[in-house]
Structures are given as C-alpha cells and as structure tokens.
C-alpha cells in the first residue's frame, strides 16, 4: 500500500496520483528561432541599408564618376550661375518667360498629335532649328500651332536665344524662354508640367530635341516629293502613322537611335541650304564612346548610353528624363487614373502601307561644330549638381580630344558606314527591241523605262537581244 504525499498549496487533490505541477524555469523557455530574431532586427537592418545607399549615392558614386574637368579654374563663365535642381524645386530657380502667353490648344473629341522640343542657345542651334521646322512642319505635316519649344539661355542677354525666338515667331510656333541652369531632370519636369496642363490625356506627344529628326514612315523627301509610304489622301504622315500605332493597341513608339556623322568624322558647321542627310552621310554607333576608357572598380560597371528612344507616346504616360524609356511611375498612373487600364505597350516599329518593312529611326545630328565646349560645360554642370550620368558626356569629350577633335570613323567599335539608300524595287523589262531599231515597241518600252526611272523607288534593268547586223557602240 503506497502513501500519497500531501499536496502543498492545493496542487494535488486528495487521493490523486497526478504529479505535482512545476513552475517553468528560465531553462525551460522555448528558444526563439533564427527567423524570429532576424524579423525583430529587420527595421534596424533596413534603416542601416538605407543610410548606406544614401551615403553611396550622395558622396561615393559622384566622386567615382567625377572627371578632371570640374577642377579647372575657368569652369564657368561669370554670367553663368549654376543652380542645381532639388526635389522641392525642380525649376532650379530659373526664370521662365512666356513671350506669347500660355499655350492654348483647346479640347477635341479625337486624339491629336503634338510636338515638344528644346532649343539651346548657340550658333549651330539657330541653323539646326531651320532644318528642324522644315522637317516636322513641311515634311511630317505637324501644324505649327501644335508645336511647343522651350528656348534655353544661360543668361538674359543672349543673342542666339533672340535669334531663335524671332525664327519661332516667324513660323507661328509657340515657345517659352528658360533663363538659368537646364538639365535633363529640369527638362523632364518642365515638359511634364506643361503637357499635363495643356493636352488631353489621349493626345499623342512627340519629343524631339533640335538635333533629332524622327524618320516616321511616310515623311516626304527633301524636295517635298512623296515617298512610298506617304498617305495619298492628304493626311499628315505622322498622323497616319500614329493612327496605325493606335489600331495595333500600342501607346508609345520606340525608335532605333542613329547618329549621323560628316565625312572623315569632322565636326562641321551646319549649312542652311543643304539637307542634313547629305551633310552627314555616315551613321555610327556613338553609344560605344559613352563609357570611360580608363576604368576603375566602379566605372567598369557603368552602362553605355541606350541606343533607342521613345519618340511618341500617349500623354497619360510619362517619358523618362533621358527619353529612352517610359518612367516606372507612369505604370501605376496609367492603371489607376480615372479607372483606365492602359499598361504601357510598345509598338514594334515597322512600315505600314508599303511593300517594305523597315524600323523607325531617330536621326541624331549631334556631331557638329561646337560640340566639345557644349559637352564640356554639361559635364561640369552635371558634376556640380551630382548627376551621375555626367560620365557619358565626359567620356565622349575625352575620345574626341584624343582623336584631334573629330570622330574616328575608321574605329571598329563605331562601325561607321554610309547610310542605306532608300529601298528601291527592281523592275526588269524584257523586250525584243530597244534602241537598235526604232519602232512602236522600242518607243513604248523606252517611255515605260523613262517613267519608272523618274520614280525614287524604282530601279530598271532592260534585257534585250543584240542584233548582230547592228554594230556595237565603241
């Protein structure tokens, strides 16, 4: 017969054989898992990483990509005051004037096509502007009242800026005047602020700098003659092309970037009367020159400039400051604005309406006289403002100076070649007589060949037997 110990503190009922309850000791507590400990430290870890990224972005990376050009004592002209953009003031404290008042385009029930551009104040820019307006107004068919230009001047009394204003007034093009520091960030901010205020959300916006001619299918030739894709019903070529893009369900167009260079790689002055395509017949892959030659641990990972460009997009999308892609923020805006689901969809650029398929190209006429000092100043402004992509311009200036101020058209990495001629159809005429005998057949065939030869898209080959009784020409 077993004895049952008395239960202290009432832990054991009389006659029960249950063991006494024991208090949990510290050794008996469950050890928290590794994941639980990490979860508790996650806020501190995230905070540490954020601080580390801010320090790297603010101090380390700007110094890593910094060139030697900002060390020069004559970095800026006395009249040029550099004011960098800030998150609370993207205008950089610039003065914005509206000589022609606000840009008013009204409302419309159908999407329209508009063009935004920036003209820098320089001698070459005043010459390029004439080609720019001729291309987009006369050849592409964009109405002058649907074009807005921002004229940039570093100081108020700029003679080239005044020349550009006079040219725009003459062509009835709306513009504003930006006096102060102008960077790619302020450009995007100013463009978006203007277009969101003025245009309808479904309107098309073409973005092109003064040195960019977007070769939309159907744009007329230099002399105004129709090309193979030019609409025959009188519709503007750009309007017809973007209507086709909309039918395909796309809301922006991505074009291949094509840098045009003069013979021998010389940085020539712009001529007024000669088409730009003839002044700069070479096309080169100049993006290969946009990374530093002398690389370090950090600069070896720097990407090259992109070789494509967003040339047109719906106004409810936002183009990146570089215009090479659509900004990520616009994805959410496009989805949730007014309940519209419009995910950015790129158009695969191919010709429409003609027998040939060819990609849309953006012709870039940047490689002209005055480029080196222009890029040199841009490098200094961007480095002063801590804009990391300053290394692209610095690398280009270094390469140009190493080749005596010109583009190395024989360097393999640039792959310079003459621009492809307009694609032409080959027509073969097989006839029994041609020019050795004059009769109705030969006269008719000669007239047909003459007519086809006058077309800019036809090559004619004549096949005819030779009469042995007719002496061959010496």
Protein backbone atom coordinates (compact mmCIF):
# COMPACT_ATOMS: atom_id res chain seq x y z
CA UNK A 1 0.00 0.00 0.00
CA UNK A 2 1.53 3.31 -1.26
CA UNK A 3 1.43 6.55 0.51
CA UNK A 4 0.33 9.65 -1.26
CA UNK A 5 2.25 12.77 -0.34
CA UNK A 6 0.20 15.64 0.78
CA UNK A 7 -0.24 18.31 -1.89
CA UNK A 8 1.12 21.67 -0.82
CA UNK A 9 -0.79 24.79 -1.81
CA UNK A 10 -3.65 22.61 -3.04
CA UNK A 11 -1.80 21.48 -6.15
CA UNK A 12 -2.83 17.88 -5.59
CA UNK A 13 -6.27 16.76 -4.74
CA UNK A 14 -6.72 14.18 -2.03
CA UNK A 15 -6.33 10.69 -3.35
CA UNK A 16 -4.90 11.81 -6.71
CA UNK A 17 -1.83 10.19 -8.22
CA UNK A 18 -1.07 13.14 -10.59
CA UNK A 19 2.43 14.58 -10.23
CA UNK A 20 2.94 17.94 -8.68
CA UNK A 21 2.86 20.94 -11.04
CA UNK A 22 6.27 22.54 -11.55
CA UNK A 23 6.98 26.16 -12.21
CA UNK A 24 8.58 26.90 -15.58
CA UNK A 25 12.21 27.73 -15.13
CA UNK A 26 14.17 30.03 -17.49
CA UNK A 27 15.90 26.97 -18.89
CA UNK A 28 12.57 25.53 -19.95
CA UNK A 29 11.52 28.55 -22.11
CA UNK A 30 11.43 27.95 -25.91
CA UNK A 31 14.42 29.43 -27.72
CA UNK A 32 13.25 31.90 -30.43
CA UNK A 33 14.00 30.75 -33.96
CA UNK A 34 16.65 32.38 -36.13
CA UNK A 35 13.96 33.81 -38.42
CA UNK A 36 12.15 35.39 -35.46
CA UNK A 37 15.37 37.06 -34.28
CA UNK A 38 16.03 38.31 -37.80
CA UNK A 39 12.49 39.67 -38.05
CA UNK A 40 12.99 41.69 -34.89
CA UNK A 41 16.19 43.19 -36.30
CA UNK A 42 14.72 43.85 -39.77
CA UNK A 43 13.80 47.53 -39.15
CA UNK A 44 17.31 48.30 -37.93
CA UNK A 45 18.83 46.41 -40.84
CA UNK A 46 16.66 48.25 -43.39
CA UNK A 47 17.49 51.57 -41.81
CA UNK A 48 21.19 50.78 -41.98
CA UNK A 49 20.95 49.82 -45.67
CA UNK A 50 19.01 52.99 -46.50
CA UNK A 51 21.64 55.15 -44.80
CA UNK A 52 24.36 53.24 -46.63
CA UNK A 53 22.66 53.77 -50.01
CA UNK A 54 22.16 57.48 -49.32
CA UNK A 55 25.83 57.90 -48.43
CA UNK A 56 26.91 55.96 -51.54
CA UNK A 57 24.58 57.95 -53.81
CA UNK A 58 25.47 61.33 -52.31
CA UNK A 59 29.21 61.03 -51.73
CA UNK A 60 30.80 57.86 -53.11
CA UNK A 61 29.31 57.48 -56.62
CA UNK A 62 29.59 61.18 -57.64
CA UNK A 63 33.27 61.09 -56.74
CA UNK A 64 33.76 57.77 -58.54
CA UNK A 65 32.41 59.07 -61.86
CA UNK A 66 33.88 62.55 -61.47
CA UNK A 67 36.16 63.68 -64.28
CA UNK A 68 39.07 66.11 -64.10
CA UNK A 69 37.14 68.87 -65.89
CA UNK A 70 35.50 70.34 -62.81
CA UNK A 71 38.91 71.10 -61.35
CA UNK A 72 39.65 73.73 -63.99
CA UNK A 73 39.54 77.28 -62.59
CA UNK A 74 37.67 78.56 -65.68
CA UNK A 75 34.86 76.07 -65.24
CA UNK A 76 32.07 78.57 -65.83
CA UNK A 77 31.58 81.94 -67.40
CA UNK A 78 30.98 84.75 -64.95
CA UNK A 79 27.46 85.28 -66.28
CA UNK A 80 26.55 81.63 -65.90
CA UNK A 81 25.20 80.90 -62.44
CA UNK A 82 24.63 77.21 -61.87
CA UNK A 83 21.63 76.34 -59.71
CA UNK A 84 21.01 72.63 -59.29
CA UNK A 85 17.54 71.03 -59.26
CA UNK A 86 16.18 69.91 -55.90
CA UNK A 87 13.30 67.62 -55.03
CA UNK A 88 11.33 70.61 -53.71
CA UNK A 89 12.25 72.93 -56.62
CA UNK A 90 12.83 71.19 -59.97
CA UNK A 91 12.97 74.55 -61.75
CA UNK A 92 16.45 75.16 -60.25
CA UNK A 93 15.39 78.70 -59.52
CA UNK A 94 15.28 79.55 -63.24
CA UNK A 95 13.28 82.38 -64.76
CA UNK A 96 10.58 81.16 -67.16
CA UNK A 97 9.12 83.74 -69.54
CA UNK A 98 6.10 83.38 -71.80
CA UNK A 99 6.52 85.91 -74.63
CA UNK A 100 3.44 84.55 -76.42
CA UNK A 101 1.36 83.80 -73.34
CA UNK A 102 0.07 80.40 -72.29
CA UNK A 103 -0.01 77.57 -74.81
CA UNK A 104 -3.71 77.09 -75.57
CA UNK A 105 -4.75 74.22 -77.82
CA UNK A 106 -8.36 73.70 -76.71
CA UNK A 107 -10.18 70.40 -76.35
CA UNK A 108 -11.04 67.87 -79.01
CA UNK A 109 -13.07 64.66 -79.17
CA UNK A 110 -10.30 62.83 -81.06
CA UNK A 111 -6.63 62.33 -80.11
CA UNK A 112 -4.30 64.87 -81.67
CA UNK A 113 -0.54 64.91 -82.33
CA UNK A 114 1.71 67.47 -80.61
CA UNK A 115 5.46 68.08 -80.61
CA UNK A 116 7.66 69.29 -77.74
CA UNK A 117 11.28 70.31 -78.21
CA UNK A 118 14.14 72.21 -76.58
CA UNK A 119 16.37 74.65 -78.48
CA UNK A 120 19.66 75.52 -76.81
CA UNK A 121 21.13 78.96 -77.45
CA UNK A 122 24.10 78.51 -79.78
CA UNK A 123 25.04 79.42 -83.33
CA UNK A 124 24.63 75.85 -84.57
CA UNK A 125 21.28 75.54 -82.83
CA UNK A 126 19.94 78.52 -84.78
CA UNK A 127 20.92 76.73 -88.01
CA UNK A 128 19.59 73.35 -86.91
CA UNK A 129 16.27 74.94 -85.95
CA UNK A 130 15.57 75.81 -89.60
CA UNK A 131 16.06 72.19 -90.67
CA UNK A 132 14.02 71.04 -87.66
CA UNK A 133 10.98 73.15 -88.53
CA UNK A 134 11.22 72.28 -92.22
CA UNK A 135 11.26 68.57 -91.39
CA UNK A 136 8.42 68.45 -88.87
CA UNK A 137 6.14 71.12 -90.37
CA UNK A 138 6.59 70.82 -94.13
CA UNK A 139 7.62 67.20 -94.50
CA UNK A 140 5.98 65.44 -91.50
CA UNK A 141 2.84 67.57 -91.56
CA UNK A 142 2.63 68.77 -87.93
CA UNK A 143 0.74 72.06 -87.67
CA UNK A 144 2.88 74.91 -86.20
CA UNK A 145 0.25 75.67 -83.53
CA UNK A 146 0.70 72.12 -82.20
CA UNK A 147 4.41 72.59 -81.58
CA UNK A 148 5.89 73.98 -78.36
CA UNK A 149 9.58 74.82 -77.97
CA UNK A 150 11.48 75.69 -74.81
CA UNK A 151 14.32 78.07 -75.68
CA UNK A 152 17.13 77.76 -73.14
CA UNK A 153 19.52 80.60 -72.39
CA UNK A 154 22.04 80.67 -69.55
CA UNK A 155 21.65 84.45 -69.17
CA UNK A 156 19.09 87.04 -70.22
CA UNK A 157 21.04 88.93 -72.91
CA UNK A 158 21.74 86.01 -75.24
CA UNK A 159 21.82 86.92 -78.93
CA UNK A 160 21.32 83.35 -80.15
CA UNK A 161 18.25 82.94 -77.94
CA UNK A 162 16.82 86.09 -79.50
CA UNK A 163 17.51 84.72 -83.00
CA UNK A 164 15.64 81.52 -82.12
CA UNK A 165 12.67 83.49 -80.78
CA UNK A 166 12.49 85.51 -83.99
CA UNK A 167 12.54 82.28 -86.04
CA UNK A 168 9.74 80.74 -83.97
CA UNK A 169 7.65 83.92 -84.20
CA UNK A 170 8.07 83.88 -87.97
CA UNK A 171 6.86 80.27 -88.16
CA UNK A 172 3.97 80.83 -85.69
CA UNK A 173 5.35 78.26 -83.23
CA UNK A 174 4.57 78.67 -79.53
CA UNK A 175 7.52 78.82 -77.14
CA UNK A 176 8.70 79.82 -73.69
CA UNK A 177 12.09 81.12 -72.57
CA UNK A 178 14.04 79.35 -69.82
CA UNK A 179 16.80 81.51 -68.33
CA UNK A 180 19.08 79.62 -65.96
CA UNK A 181 20.50 76.15 -65.46
CA UNK A 182 18.88 73.48 -67.61
CA UNK A 183 19.49 69.76 -67.04
CA UNK A 184 17.78 66.61 -68.24
CA UNK A 185 15.85 66.46 -64.96
CA UNK A 186 14.54 70.02 -65.20
CA UNK A 187 13.70 69.41 -68.85
CA UNK A 188 11.51 66.40 -67.99
CA UNK A 189 9.87 68.27 -65.11
CA UNK A 190 9.07 71.30 -67.26
CA UNK A 191 7.80 69.18 -70.18
CA UNK A 192 5.51 67.06 -67.99
CA UNK A 193 4.14 70.08 -66.14
CA UNK A 194 3.32 71.81 -69.44
CA UNK A 195 1.80 68.85 -71.28
CA UNK A 196 -0.27 67.60 -68.33
CA UNK A 197 -1.78 71.08 -68.00
CA UNK A 198 -2.37 71.72 -71.72
CA UNK A 199 -3.02 68.47 -73.59
CA UNK A 200 -5.74 65.84 -73.30
CA UNK A 201 -4.72 62.53 -71.79
CA UNK A 202 -5.23 60.60 -75.02
CA UNK A 203 -3.30 63.04 -77.20
CA UNK A 204 -0.03 61.91 -78.76
CA UNK A 205 3.17 63.72 -77.73
CA UNK A 206 6.31 63.61 -79.87
CA UNK A 207 9.51 64.52 -78.03
CA UNK A 208 12.46 65.62 -80.16
CA UNK A 209 15.45 67.85 -79.44
CA UNK A 210 16.60 70.34 -82.06
CA UNK A 211 19.19 67.85 -83.35
CA UNK A 212 16.76 64.91 -83.70
CA UNK A 213 14.74 64.11 -86.81
CA UNK A 214 12.46 61.11 -86.28
CA UNK A 215 12.05 59.27 -89.58
CA UNK A 216 8.38 58.33 -89.35
CA UNK A 217 7.14 56.19 -92.26
CA UNK A 218 5.61 58.34 -94.96
CA UNK A 219 7.61 61.52 -94.25
CA UNK A 220 8.28 63.27 -97.54
CA UNK A 221 11.69 63.52 -99.21
CA UNK A 222 13.89 66.64 -99.03
CA UNK A 223 12.33 68.17 -102.13
CA UNK A 224 8.80 67.58 -100.85
CA UNK A 225 8.09 64.62 -103.13
CA UNK A 226 6.10 61.69 -101.79
CA UNK A 227 7.83 58.56 -100.55
CA UNK A 228 6.47 55.05 -100.81
CA UNK A 229 4.51 55.37 -97.53
CA UNK A 230 3.28 58.96 -97.86
CA UNK A 231 -0.52 58.98 -97.47
CA UNK A 232 -2.24 59.76 -100.75
CA UNK A 233 -5.38 61.20 -99.15
CA UNK A 234 -3.63 64.31 -97.85
CA UNK A 235 -3.37 63.08 -94.24
CA UNK A 236 -0.24 64.21 -92.44
CA UNK A 237 2.31 61.34 -92.46
CA UNK A 238 2.79 61.46 -88.67
CA UNK A 239 -0.97 61.46 -88.01
CA UNK A 240 -1.45 58.46 -90.30
CA UNK A 241 1.39 56.54 -88.69
CA UNK A 242 0.25 57.14 -85.10
CA UNK A 243 -3.33 56.20 -86.03
CA UNK A 244 -1.91 52.90 -87.26
CA UNK A 245 0.00 52.52 -83.99
CA UNK A 246 -3.20 53.07 -82.01
CA UNK A 247 -5.00 50.43 -84.09
CA UNK A 248 -2.29 47.98 -83.11
CA UNK A 249 -3.08 48.62 -79.41
CA UNK A 250 0.21 50.39 -78.58
CA UNK A 251 0.52 53.65 -76.69
CA UNK A 252 4.16 54.57 -77.31
CA UNK A 253 6.71 54.15 -80.10
CA UNK A 254 10.34 53.15 -79.62
CA UNK A 255 12.77 54.08 -82.39
CA UNK A 256 16.31 52.97 -83.16
CA UNK A 257 18.91 55.65 -82.41
CA UNK A 258 21.13 56.53 -85.37
CA UNK A 259 23.99 59.02 -85.02
CA UNK A 260 24.81 60.88 -88.24
CA UNK A 261 28.41 61.97 -88.84
CA UNK A 262 30.14 64.00 -91.57
CA UNK A 263 32.70 62.51 -93.94
CA UNK A 264 36.02 62.00 -92.20
CA UNK A 265 34.38 62.42 -88.80
CA UNK A 266 34.80 66.20 -88.84
CA UNK A 267 32.55 68.31 -86.61
CA UNK A 268 31.30 70.58 -89.38
CA UNK A 269 29.16 73.70 -89.26
CA UNK A 270 25.53 73.36 -90.34
CA UNK A 271 24.65 74.63 -93.82
CA UNK A 272 21.23 76.15 -94.35
CA UNK A 273 20.52 75.10 -97.94
CA UNK A 274 21.87 71.52 -97.96
CA UNK A 275 19.73 68.70 -96.44
CA UNK A 276 21.21 67.33 -93.23
CA UNK A 277 21.21 63.80 -94.63
CA UNK A 278 23.71 64.93 -97.28
CA UNK A 279 25.83 66.98 -94.90
CA UNK A 280 26.20 63.99 -92.56
CA UNK A 281 26.08 60.85 -94.72
CA UNK A 282 27.72 58.45 -92.23
CA UNK A 283 25.91 56.62 -89.48
CA UNK A 284 27.94 55.46 -86.48
CA UNK A 285 27.35 53.68 -83.18
CA UNK A 286 28.41 56.58 -81.00
CA UNK A 287 26.97 54.98 -77.87
CA UNK A 288 30.20 52.94 -77.81
CA UNK A 289 32.01 56.13 -76.75
CA UNK A 290 29.83 56.88 -73.73
CA UNK A 291 31.80 54.95 -71.10
CA UNK A 292 35.22 55.96 -69.71
CA UNK A 293 38.28 54.41 -71.33
CA UNK A 294 40.20 54.31 -68.05
CA UNK A 295 38.04 52.20 -65.80
CA UNK A 296 38.15 51.61 -62.09
CA UNK A 297 36.32 49.09 -59.94
CA UNK A 298 33.16 51.20 -60.01
CA UNK A 299 33.34 52.73 -63.50
CA UNK A 300 33.84 49.31 -65.07
CA UNK A 301 30.19 48.61 -64.25
CA UNK A 302 28.84 51.85 -65.77
CA UNK A 303 26.37 51.20 -68.60
CA UNK A 304 26.61 52.72 -72.06
CA UNK A 305 24.04 55.21 -73.26
CA UNK A 306 21.00 53.46 -74.69
CA UNK A 307 20.66 53.14 -78.47
CA UNK A 308 16.89 53.66 -78.69
CA UNK A 309 14.45 56.46 -77.91
CA UNK A 310 10.78 56.94 -77.12
CA UNK A 311 9.75 59.24 -79.98
CA UNK A 312 5.99 59.35 -79.38
CA UNK A 313 3.68 58.41 -76.52
CA UNK A 314 0.20 59.00 -75.20
CA UNK A 315 0.01 61.98 -72.86
CA UNK A 316 -1.14 59.86 -69.90
CA UNK A 317 2.27 58.18 -69.93
CA UNK A 318 5.41 59.88 -68.68
CA UNK A 319 8.66 59.66 -70.58
CA UNK A 320 11.89 59.18 -68.66
CA UNK A 321 14.20 62.21 -68.38
CA UNK A 322 16.50 60.63 -70.99
CA UNK A 323 13.53 59.87 -73.29
CA UNK A 324 14.92 56.36 -73.76
CA UNK A 325 12.10 54.65 -71.86
CA UNK A 326 8.79 55.12 -70.05
CA UNK A 327 9.07 56.07 -66.38
CA UNK A 328 8.08 53.41 -63.84
CA UNK A 329 5.76 55.81 -62.01
CA UNK A 330 3.56 56.10 -65.03
CA UNK A 331 2.70 52.41 -64.91
CA UNK A 332 0.61 52.97 -61.78
CA UNK A 333 -0.73 56.29 -63.02
CA UNK A 334 -1.84 54.71 -66.30
CA UNK A 335 -3.69 51.94 -64.48
CA UNK A 336 -5.48 53.93 -61.78
CA UNK A 337 -6.11 57.31 -63.45
CA UNK A 338 -9.85 57.61 -63.99
CA UNK A 339 -10.21 53.85 -63.78
CA UNK A 340 -8.43 53.34 -67.08
CA UNK A 341 -6.31 50.20 -67.51
CA UNK A 342 -3.64 51.25 -70.00
CA UNK A 343 -0.47 49.36 -69.38
CA UNK A 344 2.38 50.84 -71.46
CA UNK A 345 2.57 48.86 -74.68
CA UNK A 346 5.36 49.48 -77.15
CA UNK A 347 4.74 49.48 -80.87
CA UNK A 348 7.03 47.21 -82.85
CA UNK A 349 8.13 49.84 -85.36
CA UNK A 350 7.55 48.63 -88.88
CA UNK A 351 6.47 50.36 -92.03
CA UNK A 352 2.73 50.42 -92.70
CA UNK A 353 1.09 50.51 -96.10
CA UNK A 354 4.10 49.79 -98.29
CA UNK A 355 5.67 46.59 -99.56
CA UNK A 356 8.74 47.03 -97.35
CA UNK A 357 9.10 46.68 -93.60
CA UNK A 358 11.71 48.93 -92.02
CA UNK A 359 12.28 50.05 -88.41
CA UNK A 360 11.58 53.64 -87.42
CA UNK A 361 14.84 55.51 -86.85
CA UNK A 362 15.69 58.65 -84.96
CA UNK A 363 18.39 60.54 -86.85
CA UNK A 364 20.72 62.27 -84.37
CA UNK A 365 22.67 65.27 -85.72
CA UNK A 366 24.70 65.93 -82.61
CA UNK A 367 28.19 65.61 -84.07
CA UNK A 368 28.61 69.18 -85.28
CA UNK A 369 30.79 72.22 -84.65
CA UNK A 370 30.74 73.45 -81.06
CA UNK A 371 30.02 70.03 -79.59
CA UNK A 372 33.16 69.78 -77.43
CA UNK A 373 32.66 73.04 -75.47
CA UNK A 374 28.95 72.27 -75.14
CA UNK A 375 29.57 68.82 -73.65
CA UNK A 376 32.44 70.15 -71.55
CA UNK A 377 30.11 72.62 -69.88
CA UNK A 378 27.43 69.96 -69.45
CA UNK A 379 29.92 67.73 -67.63
CA UNK A 380 30.80 70.49 -65.20
CA UNK A 381 27.16 71.40 -64.53
CA UNK A 382 26.12 67.78 -64.03
CA UNK A 383 29.05 67.01 -61.74
CA UNK A 384 28.39 70.14 -59.70
CA UNK A 385 24.78 69.02 -59.31
CA UNK A 386 25.71 65.40 -58.52
CA UNK A 387 24.02 63.92 -61.60
CA UNK A 388 25.68 60.53 -62.07
CA UNK A 389 25.21 60.28 -65.85
CA UNK A 390 27.77 63.07 -66.39
CA UNK A 391 30.32 60.36 -67.20
CA UNK A 392 28.70 59.78 -70.61
CA UNK A 393 29.45 63.30 -71.85
CA UNK A 394 32.89 63.28 -70.20
CA UNK A 395 33.79 60.04 -71.99
CA UNK A 396 32.70 61.47 -75.36
CA UNK A 397 34.77 64.64 -74.87
CA UNK A 398 37.84 62.60 -73.91
CA UNK A 399 37.52 60.43 -77.03
CA UNK A 400 37.01 63.41 -79.33
CA UNK A 401 40.05 65.18 -77.90
CA UNK A 402 42.17 62.04 -78.25
CA UNK A 403 41.34 61.94 -81.99
CA UNK A 404 42.06 65.59 -82.67
CA UNK A 405 38.52 66.88 -82.26
CA UNK A 406 36.80 64.54 -84.69
CA UNK A 407 35.00 61.19 -84.74
CA UNK A 408 37.20 58.21 -85.56
CA UNK A 409 35.19 56.86 -88.48
CA UNK A 410 37.70 54.03 -89.01
CA UNK A 411 37.47 52.73 -85.43
CA UNK A 412 35.88 49.30 -85.46
CA UNK A 413 33.72 49.77 -82.38
CA UNK A 414 31.80 52.65 -84.01
CA UNK A 415 31.03 50.63 -87.17
CA UNK A 416 30.65 53.79 -89.26
CA UNK A 417 29.07 53.27 -92.68
CA UNK A 418 27.22 55.29 -95.25
CA UNK A 419 23.50 55.46 -94.60
CA UNK A 420 21.50 52.96 -96.58
CA UNK A 421 19.82 54.45 -99.64
CA UNK A 422 16.06 54.44 -99.95
CA UNK A 423 14.89 50.91 -100.65
CA UNK A 424 14.00 50.58 -104.33
CA UNK A 425 12.08 47.97 -106.28
CA UNK A 426 13.88 46.33 -109.17
CA UNK A 427 11.95 46.24 -112.43
CA UNK A 428 13.19 44.11 -115.35
CA UNK A 429 11.96 44.98 -118.87
CA UNK A 430 12.37 42.14 -121.35
CA UNK A 431 11.81 43.36 -124.90
CA UNK A 432 12.68 42.22 -128.39
CA UNK A 433 13.90 45.66 -129.47
CA UNK A 434 15.27 48.59 -127.53
CA UNK A 435 17.45 51.16 -129.22
CA UNK A 436 18.90 49.32 -132.20
CA UNK A 437 15.66 49.66 -134.15
CA UNK A 438 13.07 52.40 -133.85
CA UNK A 439 9.52 51.10 -133.99
CA UNK A 440 6.38 51.16 -131.90
CA UNK A 441 7.70 48.54 -129.43
CA UNK A 442 11.02 50.28 -128.78
CA UNK A 443 9.38 53.69 -128.41
CA UNK A 444 6.83 52.31 -125.93
CA UNK A 445 9.44 50.43 -123.88
CA UNK A 446 11.69 53.50 -123.71
CA UNK A 447 8.80 55.59 -122.45
CA UNK A 448 7.99 53.00 -119.77
CA UNK A 449 11.62 52.86 -118.64
CA UNK A 450 11.88 56.66 -118.53
CA UNK A 451 8.73 56.87 -116.42
CA UNK A 452 9.99 54.23 -113.97
CA UNK A 453 13.45 55.79 -113.71
CA UNK A 454 11.89 59.06 -112.56
CA UNK A 455 10.36 57.32 -109.57
CA UNK A 456 12.50 57.45 -106.40
CA UNK A 457 11.68 53.82 -105.58
CA UNK A 458 12.34 52.02 -108.87
CA UNK A 459 15.49 50.55 -110.41
CA UNK A 460 15.13 49.48 -114.06
CA UNK A 461 17.02 46.69 -115.82
CA UNK A 462 16.46 46.23 -119.56
CA UNK A 463 17.03 42.82 -121.16
CA UNK A 464 17.03 42.75 -124.96
CA UNK A 465 18.78 40.62 -127.62
CA UNK A 466 21.52 42.21 -129.69
CA UNK A 467 21.05 42.32 -133.45
CA UNK A 468 24.35 41.05 -134.92
CA UNK A 469 23.81 43.17 -138.03
CA UNK A 470 23.95 46.34 -135.92
CA UNK A 471 27.49 47.35 -134.94
CA UNK A 472 28.06 47.56 -131.21
CA UNK A 473 28.85 51.04 -129.87
CA UNK A 474 32.53 51.78 -129.44
